[in-house]
Amino acid sequence: MKLPRPEVDNRYGAAGFLAALSNIAFLETVTWIIAPWWMIALIVLPVLFLIDLAISAIAAKGPSNVGQIGRGMMVGCMAAPLSLAIFIPIFLLAHSVGPL
């Protein structure tokens, strides 16, 4: 017999998924538009990520759909820094190898 657990079953849903997708689209777009200007990127991107993380943490504590949206934003917030963490070492490695 499965016991209902509404506090767990309602944690994730369509609202969180859509929030994650929209957050990924926004942050990735901003990241890759600003990335060529390294000095601006070093100042603007961490501030943008921290603001987004703070908003998502506050929203994640909310009830029902607001909590789902906050958790989705939190998951989506990880995409842009992780893509930079993957891209930069590969870019540097490719430049150190040189043309083939």
N, C-alpha and C. Protein backbone atom coordinates (compact mmCIF):
# COMPACT_ATOMS: atom_id res chain seq x y z
N MET A 1 0.85 -1.18 0.00
CA MET A 1 0.00 0.00 0.00
C MET A 1 0.89 1.24 0.00
N LYS A 2 0.63 2.10 -0.95
CA LYS A 2 1.42 3.32 -1.07
C LYS A 2 0.75 4.43 -0.26
N LEU A 3 1.52 5.00 0.63
CA LEU A 3 1.00 6.11 1.44
C LEU A 3 1.18 7.42 0.70
N PRO A 4 0.17 8.27 0.69
CA PRO A 4 0.31 9.57 0.01
C PRO A 4 1.27 10.47 0.77
N ARG A 5 2.15 11.11 0.03
CA ARG A 5 3.09 12.06 0.61
C ARG A 5 3.00 13.36 -0.17
N PRO A 6 2.03 14.20 0.11
CA PRO A 6 1.83 15.40 -0.70
C PRO A 6 3.00 16.37 -0.64
N GLU A 7 3.74 16.40 0.48
CA GLU A 7 4.84 17.35 0.56
C GLU A 7 6.00 16.94 -0.33
N VAL A 8 6.12 15.66 -0.67
CA VAL A 8 7.17 15.18 -1.55
C VAL A 8 6.68 15.13 -2.99
N ASP A 9 5.46 14.67 -3.19
CA ASP A 9 4.93 14.52 -4.54
C ASP A 9 4.74 15.86 -5.24
N ASN A 10 4.59 16.93 -4.49
CA ASN A 10 4.33 18.24 -5.07
C ASN A 10 5.60 19.10 -5.19
N ARG A 11 6.77 18.51 -4.93
CA ARG A 11 8.01 19.30 -4.96
C ARG A 11 8.43 19.67 -6.37
N TYR A 12 8.21 18.77 -7.31
CA TYR A 12 8.66 18.99 -8.68
C TYR A 12 7.49 18.83 -9.62
N GLY A 13 7.47 19.62 -10.67
CA GLY A 13 6.37 19.54 -11.62
C GLY A 13 6.67 20.36 -12.86
N ALA A 14 5.63 20.59 -13.63
CA ALA A 14 5.78 21.31 -14.90
C ALA A 14 6.26 22.75 -14.68
N ALA A 15 5.80 23.39 -13.61
CA ALA A 15 6.21 24.78 -13.35
C ALA A 15 7.72 24.86 -13.10
N GLY A 16 8.26 23.91 -12.35
CA GLY A 16 9.70 23.89 -12.10
C GLY A 16 10.50 23.60 -13.35
N PHE A 17 9.98 22.70 -14.18
CA PHE A 17 10.67 22.37 -15.43
C PHE A 17 10.71 23.57 -16.36
N LEU A 18 9.60 24.27 -16.50
CA LEU A 18 9.56 25.46 -17.35
C LEU A 18 10.44 26.57 -16.79
N ALA A 19 10.48 26.70 -15.47
CA ALA A 19 11.36 27.70 -14.86
C ALA A 19 12.82 27.37 -15.12
N ALA A 20 13.17 26.09 -15.03
CA ALA A 20 14.55 25.68 -15.30
C ALA A 20 14.92 25.96 -16.76
N LEU A 21 14.03 25.62 -17.69
CA LEU A 21 14.32 25.86 -19.10
C LEU A 21 14.48 27.34 -19.41
N SER A 22 13.59 28.17 -18.88
CA SER A 22 13.68 29.59 -19.17
C SER A 22 14.91 30.21 -18.51
N ASN A 23 15.25 29.74 -17.31
CA ASN A 23 16.43 30.24 -16.62
C ASN A 23 17.70 29.84 -17.37
N ILE A 24 17.75 28.61 -17.86
CA ILE A 24 18.90 28.16 -18.63
C ILE A 24 19.02 29.00 -19.91
N ALA A 25 17.92 29.19 -20.60
CA ALA A 25 17.96 29.97 -21.85
C ALA A 25 18.45 31.39 -21.59
N PHE A 26 17.96 32.03 -20.54
CA PHE A 26 18.36 33.40 -20.25
C PHE A 26 19.83 33.48 -19.83
N LEU A 27 20.22 32.66 -18.86
CA LEU A 27 21.59 32.75 -18.35
C LEU A 27 22.63 32.32 -19.38
N GLU A 28 22.34 31.29 -20.15
CA GLU A 28 23.29 30.87 -21.18
C GLU A 28 23.44 31.94 -22.25
N THR A 29 22.35 32.56 -22.64
CA THR A 29 22.43 33.63 -23.64
C THR A 29 23.27 34.79 -23.14
N VAL A 30 23.01 35.22 -21.93
CA VAL A 30 23.78 36.34 -21.35
C VAL A 30 25.24 35.94 -21.19
N THR A 31 25.50 34.71 -20.73
CA THR A 31 26.87 34.26 -20.52
C THR A 31 27.67 34.28 -21.80
N TRP A 32 27.11 33.73 -22.87
CA TRP A 32 27.88 33.62 -24.11
C TRP A 32 27.91 34.92 -24.90
N ILE A 33 27.01 35.85 -24.60
CA ILE A 33 27.11 37.18 -25.22
C ILE A 33 28.21 37.99 -24.54
N ILE A 34 28.33 37.88 -23.22
CA ILE A 34 29.30 38.66 -22.46
C ILE A 34 30.67 37.98 -22.40
N ALA A 35 30.75 36.66 -22.60
CA ALA A 35 31.99 35.91 -22.41
C ALA A 35 33.19 36.42 -23.20
N PRO A 36 33.05 36.91 -24.44
CA PRO A 36 34.25 37.38 -25.15
C PRO A 36 34.95 38.57 -24.46
N TRP A 37 34.24 39.35 -23.71
CA TRP A 37 34.84 40.47 -22.99
C TRP A 37 35.14 40.00 -21.57
N TRP A 38 36.36 39.49 -21.37
CA TRP A 38 36.71 38.82 -20.12
C TRP A 38 36.58 39.70 -18.89
N MET A 39 37.00 40.94 -18.98
CA MET A 39 36.96 41.81 -17.79
C MET A 39 35.52 42.12 -17.38
N ILE A 40 34.66 42.37 -18.35
CA ILE A 40 33.25 42.62 -18.03
C ILE A 40 32.62 41.35 -17.51
N ALA A 41 32.95 40.22 -18.12
CA ALA A 41 32.38 38.94 -17.70
C ALA A 41 32.76 38.59 -16.27
N LEU A 42 33.98 38.91 -15.88
CA LEU A 42 34.42 38.61 -14.51
C LEU A 42 33.67 39.43 -13.47
N ILE A 43 33.17 40.58 -13.85
CA ILE A 43 32.43 41.43 -12.92
C ILE A 43 30.94 41.15 -12.97
N VAL A 44 30.38 41.07 -14.16
CA VAL A 44 28.92 41.00 -14.33
C VAL A 44 28.37 39.60 -14.05
N LEU A 45 29.01 38.56 -14.56
CA LEU A 45 28.44 37.22 -14.46
C LEU A 45 28.32 36.70 -13.04
N PRO A 46 29.34 36.83 -12.17
CA PRO A 46 29.14 36.35 -10.80
C PRO A 46 28.01 37.09 -10.07
N VAL A 47 27.89 38.39 -10.32
CA VAL A 47 26.80 39.15 -9.70
C VAL A 47 25.45 38.66 -10.21
N LEU A 48 25.35 38.43 -11.50
CA LEU A 48 24.11 37.93 -12.09
C LEU A 48 23.75 36.55 -11.55
N PHE A 49 24.74 35.66 -11.44
CA PHE A 49 24.48 34.32 -10.91
C PHE A 49 24.06 34.37 -9.44
N LEU A 50 24.69 35.22 -8.66
CA LEU A 50 24.33 35.32 -7.23
C LEU A 50 22.94 35.90 -7.04
N ILE A 51 22.58 36.89 -7.84
CA ILE A 51 21.22 37.44 -7.76
C ILE A 51 20.20 36.38 -8.13
N ASP A 52 20.47 35.64 -9.20
CA ASP A 52 19.55 34.58 -9.62
C ASP A 52 19.46 33.49 -8.56
N LEU A 53 20.59 33.12 -7.97
CA LEU A 53 20.59 32.10 -6.92
C LEU A 53 19.82 32.56 -5.69
N ALA A 54 19.97 33.83 -5.32
CA ALA A 54 19.24 34.36 -4.16
C ALA A 54 17.73 34.36 -4.42
N ILE A 55 17.32 34.79 -5.60
CA ILE A 55 15.89 34.79 -5.93
C ILE A 55 15.34 33.37 -5.93
N SER A 56 16.10 32.42 -6.49
CA SER A 56 15.62 31.04 -6.53
C SER A 56 15.57 30.42 -5.13
N ALA A 57 16.51 30.77 -4.26
CA ALA A 57 16.49 30.24 -2.90
C ALA A 57 15.29 30.76 -2.11
N ILE A 58 14.98 32.03 -2.31
CA ILE A 58 13.81 32.60 -1.63
C ILE A 58 12.53 31.97 -2.17
N ALA A 59 12.46 31.80 -3.49
CA ALA A 59 11.25 31.22 -4.09
C ALA A 59 11.11 29.74 -3.74
N ALA A 60 12.22 29.02 -3.56
CA ALA A 60 12.15 27.59 -3.26
C ALA A 60 11.51 27.33 -1.90
N LYS A 61 11.57 28.29 -1.02
CA LYS A 61 10.94 28.13 0.31
C LYS A 61 9.43 28.34 0.25
N GLY A 62 8.93 28.82 -0.87
CA GLY A 62 7.51 29.12 -1.00
C GLY A 62 6.66 27.87 -1.14
N PRO A 63 5.36 28.06 -1.07
CA PRO A 63 4.44 26.92 -1.18
C PRO A 63 4.18 26.54 -2.64
N SER A 64 3.85 25.31 -2.87
CA SER A 64 3.31 24.77 -4.11
C SER A 64 4.07 25.22 -5.36
N ASN A 65 3.41 25.94 -6.26
CA ASN A 65 4.02 26.31 -7.54
C ASN A 65 5.19 27.26 -7.37
N VAL A 66 5.14 28.13 -6.40
CA VAL A 66 6.26 29.06 -6.17
C VAL A 66 7.51 28.28 -5.78
N GLY A 67 7.35 27.28 -4.94
CA GLY A 67 8.47 26.42 -4.55
C GLY A 67 9.01 25.63 -5.73
N GLN A 68 8.11 25.13 -6.58
CA GLN A 68 8.55 24.40 -7.77
C GLN A 68 9.36 25.31 -8.69
N ILE A 69 8.89 26.52 -8.87
CA ILE A 69 9.60 27.48 -9.72
C ILE A 69 10.97 27.81 -9.13
N GLY A 70 11.04 27.99 -7.83
CA GLY A 70 12.32 28.27 -7.18
C GLY A 70 13.32 27.14 -7.33
N ARG A 71 12.85 25.90 -7.15
CA ARG A 71 13.75 24.76 -7.32
C ARG A 71 14.17 24.61 -8.78
N GLY A 72 13.26 24.87 -9.71
CA GLY A 72 13.63 24.83 -11.12
C GLY A 72 14.66 25.89 -11.48
N MET A 73 14.49 27.09 -10.91
CA MET A 73 15.47 28.15 -11.14
C MET A 73 16.83 27.78 -10.58
N MET A 74 16.83 27.10 -9.42
CA MET A 74 18.08 26.70 -8.81
C MET A 74 18.83 25.70 -9.69
N VAL A 75 18.10 24.75 -10.26
CA VAL A 75 18.71 23.78 -11.17
C VAL A 75 19.21 24.49 -12.43
N GLY A 76 18.40 25.39 -12.96
CA GLY A 76 18.79 26.12 -14.16
C GLY A 76 19.96 27.05 -13.94
N CYS A 77 20.14 27.51 -12.73
CA CYS A 77 21.24 28.43 -12.41
C CYS A 77 22.60 27.75 -12.53
N MET A 78 22.63 26.43 -12.43
CA MET A 78 23.91 25.71 -12.50
C MET A 78 24.42 25.56 -13.92
N ALA A 79 23.57 25.71 -14.92
CA ALA A 79 23.95 25.41 -16.30
C ALA A 79 25.03 26.35 -16.84
N ALA A 80 24.89 27.63 -16.65
CA ALA A 80 25.85 28.58 -17.24
C ALA A 80 27.24 28.46 -16.63
N PRO A 81 27.40 28.42 -15.30
CA PRO A 81 28.76 28.25 -14.77
C PRO A 81 29.38 26.91 -15.16
N LEU A 82 28.56 25.86 -15.23
CA LEU A 82 29.10 24.55 -15.62
C LEU A 82 29.52 24.54 -17.09
N SER A 83 28.78 25.22 -17.94
CA SER A 83 29.20 25.26 -19.34
C SER A 83 30.51 26.02 -19.50
N LEU A 84 30.70 27.09 -18.72
CA LEU A 84 31.99 27.79 -18.75
C LEU A 84 33.10 26.92 -18.18
N ALA A 85 32.80 26.18 -17.12
CA ALA A 85 33.81 25.31 -16.52
C ALA A 85 34.23 24.18 -17.46
N ILE A 86 33.35 23.78 -18.35
CA ILE A 86 33.70 22.76 -19.34
C ILE A 86 34.40 23.39 -20.54
N PHE A 87 33.90 24.54 -20.99
CA PHE A 87 34.41 25.14 -22.22
C PHE A 87 35.81 25.72 -22.07
N ILE A 88 36.09 26.44 -21.00
CA ILE A 88 37.37 27.14 -20.86
C ILE A 88 38.56 26.19 -20.86
N PRO A 89 38.56 25.09 -20.07
CA PRO A 89 39.71 24.18 -20.15
C PRO A 89 39.88 23.53 -21.53
N ILE A 90 38.77 23.19 -22.17
CA ILE A 90 38.87 22.59 -23.50
C ILE A 90 39.40 23.62 -24.50
N PHE A 91 38.97 24.86 -24.38
CA PHE A 91 39.45 25.93 -25.26
C PHE A 91 40.95 26.14 -25.07
N LEU A 92 41.40 26.18 -23.81
CA LEU A 92 42.82 26.36 -23.54
C LEU A 92 43.63 25.16 -24.03
N LEU A 93 43.10 23.97 -23.87
CA LEU A 93 43.79 22.77 -24.35
C LEU A 93 43.91 22.79 -25.87
N ALA A 94 42.85 23.20 -26.54
CA ALA A 94 42.87 23.25 -28.00
C ALA A 94 43.89 24.28 -28.50
N HIS A 95 44.02 25.41 -27.79
CA HIS A 95 44.99 26.41 -28.19
C HIS A 95 46.42 25.97 -27.90
N SER A 96 46.61 25.18 -26.84
CA SER A 96 47.96 24.73 -26.54
C SER A 96 48.42 23.65 -27.52
N VAL A 97 47.50 22.86 -28.05
CA VAL A 97 47.85 21.84 -29.03
C VAL A 97 48.20 22.49 -30.36
N GLY A 98 47.46 23.54 -30.71
CA GLY A 98 47.72 24.23 -31.96
C GLY A 98 46.98 23.57 -33.12
N PRO A 99 47.19 24.11 -34.31
CA PRO A 99 46.49 23.54 -35.46
C PRO A 99 47.03 22.15 -35.83
N LEU A 100 46.16 21.31 -36.25
CA LEU A 100 46.58 19.96 -36.64
C LEU A 100 46.75 19.82 -38.12
